[in-house]
Amino acid sequence: MELQQLHYFQTVARLEHMTRAAEELRIAQPSLSKTIARLEEDLGVPLFERQHRQIKLNRFGELFLNRVERIFMEIYEGKREIREAINLEENTIRMAVTIPRVLPELVGSFLKENPHVRFQQFVHSMSKMKEQLKNGEVDYCISSIPVDQGDDEIVWEPLMTEEIFLIVPPGHWLEAREEIDLIEVKDEAFISMNTGYGLRNLTDEICLQAGFSPLISFEGDEPGVIGDLVRQGLGIAFIPAISWMNRRTPFPHKIRINTPTCQRTIGLGYSKRRHFTKTAKQFHPFMLNYFRTIGMKLTQL
């Protein structure tokens, strides 16, 4: 049984006239009659009552027509959904980030010029983000750790380099200091992101360069709560310069780190195999220009 057979049957059932149905379908009337006969043979029952040149659906034909109408309705709806999905897909950009702080202004700026675009954001660890890139689940990722290590399929473009500061709670013994050597806080409790996130991996490595392993009193996956926990006196924390931008509630006192060098490079990752939509391609140079501008602003902090 083929869709063409069902389409022919649907037309004959609607017109209840074989010759007119053949004319509408633009096929020979004998060919149409044979097609209907084969369909009836497949079903094992007649679908029409035949009286000379007139035909009329019998009760089997009426039952079968009801199902055929549903079949073609589902096909029509399926085609419509696919068309909508294609349009949605063309206008959707999928981003994975380890630095969610950068997205609101970046995305907001792009949407002002391209209001038809839709974004999907994923906040993941480095390993999960790389997996999403390789599997084609995201268009781009923004991270502070290169995601192309040991993988020729992944591209990682540096976007900007920023300084990383320390913040301390009110009344802390370092509150009056403008700068320190990192070794001075080797015995302090730190508030940090979970292991596996870009900033956590980087700051752990910086601490080791200074000569100690940080004592983590609290770790989580919500960057936004770190400043609140520091204010409550639960520890000190590393905070990147970009976290100060457009922040309504200022962080506690920030301190510059003299040694070792404490900074990170934010980069853009994507797969060479990824087929980018026109919208995703358009977003690439926009990101480069955005971070170039942000980098210039951060040098004034």
Protein backbone atom coordinates (compact mmCIF):
# COMPACT_ATOMS: atom_id res chain seq x y z
CA MET A 1 0.00 0.00 0.00
CA GLU A 2 1.45 3.35 -1.08
CA LEU A 3 0.58 6.98 -0.37
CA GLN A 4 -0.23 7.42 -4.06
CA GLN A 5 -2.87 4.69 -3.81
CA LEU A 6 -4.37 6.41 -0.77
CA HIS A 7 -4.36 9.77 -2.54
CA TYR A 8 -6.15 8.25 -5.52
CA PHE A 9 -8.70 6.60 -3.24
CA GLN A 10 -9.27 9.88 -1.38
CA THR A 11 -9.98 11.70 -4.65
CA VAL A 12 -12.36 9.02 -5.95
CA ALA A 13 -14.16 8.94 -2.60
CA ARG A 14 -14.62 12.72 -2.67
CA LEU A 15 -15.91 12.88 -6.27
CA GLU A 16 -17.64 9.50 -6.35
CA HIS A 17 -16.98 9.43 -10.07
CA MET A 18 -14.08 7.51 -11.62
CA THR A 19 -13.82 9.55 -14.85
CA ARG A 20 -13.86 12.93 -13.13
CA ALA A 21 -11.35 11.67 -10.55
CA ALA A 22 -9.03 10.48 -13.34
CA GLU A 23 -9.27 13.88 -15.02
CA GLU A 24 -8.47 15.72 -11.78
CA LEU A 25 -5.54 13.38 -11.09
CA ARG A 26 -4.42 13.63 -14.71
CA ILE A 27 -4.11 9.90 -15.22
CA ALA A 28 -5.93 7.47 -17.51
CA GLN A 29 -9.24 6.22 -16.17
CA PRO A 30 -8.35 2.50 -16.66
CA SER A 31 -5.12 3.05 -14.70
CA LEU A 32 -7.06 4.66 -11.86
CA SER A 33 -9.58 1.80 -11.83
CA LYS A 34 -6.75 -0.75 -11.58
CA THR A 35 -5.16 1.19 -8.69
CA ILE A 36 -8.44 1.18 -6.73
CA ALA A 37 -8.95 -2.49 -7.50
CA ARG A 38 -5.46 -3.33 -6.17
CA LEU A 39 -6.15 -1.35 -3.01
CA GLU A 40 -9.40 -3.25 -2.46
CA GLU A 41 -7.54 -6.51 -3.05
CA ASP A 42 -4.92 -5.56 -0.44
CA LEU A 43 -7.64 -4.73 2.07
CA GLY A 44 -9.71 -7.79 1.25
CA VAL A 45 -12.99 -5.88 0.95
CA PRO A 46 -14.70 -3.65 -1.66
CA LEU A 47 -14.67 0.06 -0.81
CA PHE A 48 -17.34 1.21 -3.26
CA GLU A 49 -20.78 0.20 -4.42
CA ARG A 50 -20.74 0.29 -8.23
CA GLN A 51 -23.81 1.01 -10.30
CA HIS A 52 -22.98 1.51 -13.96
CA ARG A 53 -20.83 4.66 -14.09
CA GLN A 54 -21.80 5.80 -10.61
CA ILE A 55 -19.82 4.70 -7.57
CA LYS A 56 -20.54 5.30 -3.91
CA LEU A 57 -18.56 4.58 -0.76
CA ASN A 58 -19.84 1.58 1.14
CA ARG A 59 -19.47 1.21 4.92
CA PHE A 60 -15.95 -0.26 4.52
CA GLY A 61 -14.99 2.66 2.32
CA GLU A 62 -16.32 5.16 4.86
CA LEU A 63 -14.34 3.53 7.67
CA PHE A 64 -11.17 3.45 5.58
CA LEU A 65 -11.61 7.03 4.31
CA ASN A 66 -11.77 8.27 7.90
CA ARG A 67 -8.33 6.73 8.56
CA VAL A 68 -6.89 7.95 5.27
CA GLU A 69 -8.00 11.49 6.05
CA ARG A 70 -6.15 11.23 9.37
CA ILE A 71 -3.04 9.94 7.62
CA PHE A 72 -2.89 12.88 5.25
CA MET A 73 -3.65 15.32 8.07
CA GLU A 74 -0.71 13.93 10.05
CA ILE A 75 1.53 14.20 6.99
CA TYR A 76 0.43 17.80 6.45
CA GLU A 77 1.04 18.64 10.11
CA GLY A 78 4.42 16.91 9.98
CA LYS A 79 5.48 19.00 6.99
CA ARG A 80 4.29 22.16 8.72
CA GLU A 81 6.23 21.33 11.89
CA ILE A 82 9.36 20.62 9.86
CA ARG A 83 9.06 23.97 8.09
CA GLU A 84 8.69 25.71 11.45
CA ALA A 85 11.62 23.74 12.88
CA ILE A 86 13.82 24.67 9.92
CA ASN A 87 13.00 28.32 10.40
CA LEU A 88 13.59 28.05 14.15
CA GLU A 89 16.84 26.18 13.60
CA GLU A 90 18.07 28.83 11.18
CA ASN A 91 17.50 31.54 13.77
CA THR A 92 18.79 29.71 16.86
CA ILE A 93 22.31 30.07 18.27
CA ARG A 94 23.40 27.53 20.87
CA MET A 95 26.11 28.57 23.32
CA ALA A 96 27.99 26.65 26.00
CA VAL A 97 29.84 28.78 28.56
CA THR A 98 31.93 28.48 31.68
CA ILE A 99 31.60 32.25 32.18
CA PRO A 100 27.85 33.00 32.28
CA ARG A 101 28.56 36.58 33.44
CA VAL A 102 29.53 37.60 29.90
CA LEU A 103 26.36 36.43 28.17
CA PRO A 104 23.56 38.86 29.16
CA GLU A 105 25.17 41.96 27.69
CA LEU A 106 26.69 40.08 24.74
CA VAL A 107 23.39 38.44 23.80
CA GLY A 108 21.37 41.55 24.58
CA SER A 109 23.53 43.67 22.29
CA PHE A 110 23.16 41.18 19.44
CA LEU A 111 19.39 40.85 19.90
CA LYS A 112 18.92 44.61 19.64
CA GLU A 113 20.19 44.38 16.07
CA ASN A 114 18.69 40.93 15.37
CA PRO A 115 15.41 40.59 17.32
CA HIS A 116 14.38 37.48 15.35
CA VAL A 117 17.26 35.41 16.78
CA ARG A 118 16.78 32.88 19.60
CA PHE A 119 19.56 31.80 21.98
CA GLN A 120 20.01 28.62 23.99
CA GLN A 121 22.58 28.73 26.79
CA PHE A 122 24.32 25.83 28.52
CA VAL A 123 26.60 26.25 31.56
CA HIS A 124 28.87 23.23 31.90
CA SER A 125 32.26 21.99 32.96
CA MET A 126 35.10 21.98 30.42
CA SER A 127 34.77 18.27 29.64
CA LYS A 128 31.02 18.51 29.05
CA MET A 129 31.43 21.61 26.90
CA LYS A 130 34.01 19.91 24.68
CA GLU A 131 31.68 16.92 24.32
CA GLN A 132 28.86 19.23 23.19
CA LEU A 133 31.11 20.81 20.58
CA LYS A 134 32.19 17.45 19.16
CA ASN A 135 28.62 16.13 19.11
CA GLY A 136 27.31 19.21 17.30
CA GLU A 137 25.00 20.14 20.19
CA VAL A 138 26.27 23.74 20.34
CA ASP A 139 27.59 26.28 17.84
CA TYR A 140 30.11 28.00 20.09
CA CYS A 141 31.55 27.85 23.57
CA ILE A 142 33.16 30.60 25.62
CA SER A 143 35.69 29.51 28.20
CA SER A 144 38.81 30.56 30.08
CA ILE A 145 40.59 27.29 29.32
CA PRO A 146 41.42 26.23 25.74
CA VAL A 147 39.11 23.42 24.63
CA ASP A 148 41.23 22.39 21.65
CA GLN A 149 43.92 20.63 23.64
CA GLY A 150 44.81 17.38 21.88
CA ASP A 151 41.98 17.71 19.36
CA ASP A 152 42.55 19.01 15.83
CA GLU A 153 38.81 19.12 15.24
CA ILE A 154 38.25 21.97 17.73
CA VAL A 155 39.27 25.59 17.15
CA TRP A 156 39.93 27.93 20.10
CA GLU A 157 40.30 31.67 19.40
CA PRO A 158 41.55 34.00 22.19
CA LEU A 159 39.07 36.85 22.70
CA MET A 160 40.53 38.93 25.53
CA THR A 161 42.83 38.72 28.57
CA GLU A 162 41.70 40.02 31.96
CA GLU A 163 43.17 40.35 35.42
CA ILE A 164 41.97 38.24 38.34
CA PHE A 165 41.66 39.91 41.77
CA LEU A 166 41.02 38.76 45.31
CA ILE A 167 37.99 39.96 47.26
CA VAL A 168 37.84 39.87 51.06
CA PRO A 169 34.94 40.43 53.50
CA PRO A 170 34.38 43.65 55.45
CA GLY A 171 36.69 43.89 58.46
CA HIS A 172 39.20 41.42 57.02
CA TRP A 173 42.83 42.01 57.96
CA LEU A 174 43.62 42.66 54.30
CA GLU A 175 40.79 45.13 53.77
CA ALA A 176 43.12 48.15 53.67
CA ARG A 177 45.59 46.57 51.24
CA GLU A 178 45.58 47.47 47.54
CA GLU A 179 47.88 44.65 46.45
CA ILE A 180 49.51 41.53 47.86
CA ASP A 181 51.63 38.53 46.93
CA LEU A 182 49.37 35.49 46.74
CA ILE A 183 51.47 33.50 49.24
CA GLU A 184 50.22 35.86 51.96
CA VAL A 185 46.79 34.20 51.90
CA LYS A 186 48.00 30.59 51.94
CA ASP A 187 46.21 29.95 55.26
CA GLU A 188 42.94 31.66 54.29
CA ALA A 189 39.69 29.84 53.51
CA PHE A 190 38.60 30.24 49.87
CA ILE A 191 35.18 30.27 48.28
CA SER A 192 35.36 28.81 44.79
CA MET A 193 33.66 27.14 41.86
CA ASN A 194 33.51 23.35 41.68
CA THR A 195 36.47 21.42 40.32
CA GLY A 196 36.23 21.12 36.54
CA TYR A 197 35.15 24.69 35.89
CA GLY A 198 37.63 26.88 34.04
CA LEU A 199 38.20 29.53 36.72
CA ARG A 200 38.62 26.91 39.47
CA ASN A 201 41.20 24.95 37.47
CA LEU A 202 43.09 28.14 36.65
CA THR A 203 43.15 29.58 40.20
CA ASP A 204 44.17 26.22 41.71
CA GLU A 205 47.11 26.22 39.32
CA ILE A 206 48.01 29.84 40.21
CA CYS A 207 47.98 28.95 43.92
CA LEU A 208 50.33 26.04 43.26
CA GLN A 209 52.65 28.44 41.43
CA ALA A 210 52.61 30.63 44.56
CA GLY A 211 53.61 27.63 46.68
CA PHE A 212 50.41 26.37 48.32
CA SER A 213 47.20 24.46 47.70
CA PRO A 214 44.08 26.54 48.51
CA LEU A 215 41.87 25.57 51.43
CA ILE A 216 38.35 25.52 49.95
CA SER A 217 35.66 26.25 52.55
CA PHE A 218 32.81 26.37 50.03
CA GLU A 219 32.49 25.33 46.40
CA GLY A 220 29.54 25.42 44.04
CA ASP A 221 28.40 25.95 40.47
CA GLU A 222 26.73 29.37 40.88
CA PRO A 223 29.25 32.19 40.29
CA GLY A 224 26.72 34.82 41.34
CA VAL A 225 26.65 33.73 45.00
CA ILE A 226 30.40 33.95 45.60
CA GLY A 227 30.36 37.69 46.40
CA ASP A 228 27.45 37.22 48.83
CA LEU A 229 29.30 34.47 50.68
CA VAL A 230 32.41 36.63 50.94
CA ARG A 231 30.34 39.48 52.39
CA GLN A 232 29.10 37.08 55.06
CA GLY A 233 32.68 36.44 56.11
CA LEU A 234 32.80 32.81 54.96
CA GLY A 235 36.09 33.24 53.11
CA ILE A 236 37.95 35.10 50.38
CA ALA A 237 37.61 34.52 46.66
CA PHE A 238 39.18 35.04 43.26
CA ILE A 239 37.10 37.33 41.05
CA PRO A 240 37.84 38.14 37.37
CA ALA A 241 37.79 41.78 36.31
CA ILE A 242 34.81 41.25 34.00
CA SER A 243 32.66 40.49 37.04
CA TRP A 244 32.78 44.18 38.01
CA MET A 245 31.23 45.39 34.81
CA ASN A 246 27.66 46.73 35.13
CA ARG A 247 27.27 45.12 38.55
CA ARG A 248 24.54 46.74 40.64
CA THR A 249 25.84 45.48 43.98
CA PRO A 250 29.60 46.07 44.31
CA PHE A 251 31.79 43.19 45.44
CA PRO A 252 33.68 43.50 48.73
CA HIS A 253 37.09 45.16 48.59
CA LYS A 254 39.21 43.91 45.69
CA ILE A 255 42.97 43.40 45.94
CA ARG A 256 45.45 43.18 43.08
CA ILE A 257 47.79 40.17 43.08
CA ASN A 258 51.43 41.04 42.36
CA THR A 259 52.91 37.55 42.17
CA PRO A 260 52.41 35.21 40.53
CA THR A 261 50.77 36.72 37.45
CA CYS A 262 47.04 36.30 37.99
CA GLN A 263 45.04 36.66 34.79
CA ARG A 264 43.05 34.59 32.36
CA THR A 265 42.39 34.59 28.65
CA ILE A 266 38.79 34.14 27.55
CA GLY A 267 38.44 32.31 24.28
CA LEU A 268 35.91 31.14 21.73
CA GLY A 269 35.69 27.47 20.81
CA TYR A 270 33.93 25.79 17.90
CA SER A 271 34.15 22.64 15.80
CA LYS A 272 35.62 22.64 12.30
CA ARG A 273 32.99 20.11 11.27
CA ARG A 274 30.04 22.23 12.44
CA HIS A 275 27.70 23.48 9.71
CA PHE A 276 26.95 27.04 10.77
CA THR A 277 23.71 28.71 9.83
CA LYS A 278 23.79 32.22 8.39
CA THR A 279 22.77 33.56 11.81
CA ALA A 280 25.54 31.68 13.63
CA LYS A 281 28.11 32.93 11.11
CA GLN A 282 26.90 36.48 11.65
CA PHE A 283 27.37 36.13 15.43
CA HIS A 284 31.07 35.22 15.12
CA PRO A 285 32.51 38.63 14.13
CA PHE A 286 30.05 40.29 16.52
CA MET A 287 31.59 38.37 19.42
CA LEU A 288 35.13 39.25 18.37
CA ASN A 289 34.30 42.94 18.27
CA TYR A 290 32.35 42.80 21.55
CA PHE A 291 35.20 41.25 23.52
CA ARG A 292 37.73 43.58 21.92
CA THR A 293 35.70 46.50 23.29
CA ILE A 294 35.30 44.87 26.71
CA GLY A 295 39.03 44.20 26.93
CA MET A 296 39.75 47.88 26.37
CA LYS A 297 37.31 48.86 29.16
CA LEU A 298 38.84 46.39 31.62
CA THR A 299 42.29 47.91 31.28
CA GLN A 300 40.85 50.99 33.03
CA LEU A 301 39.98 49.07 36.21
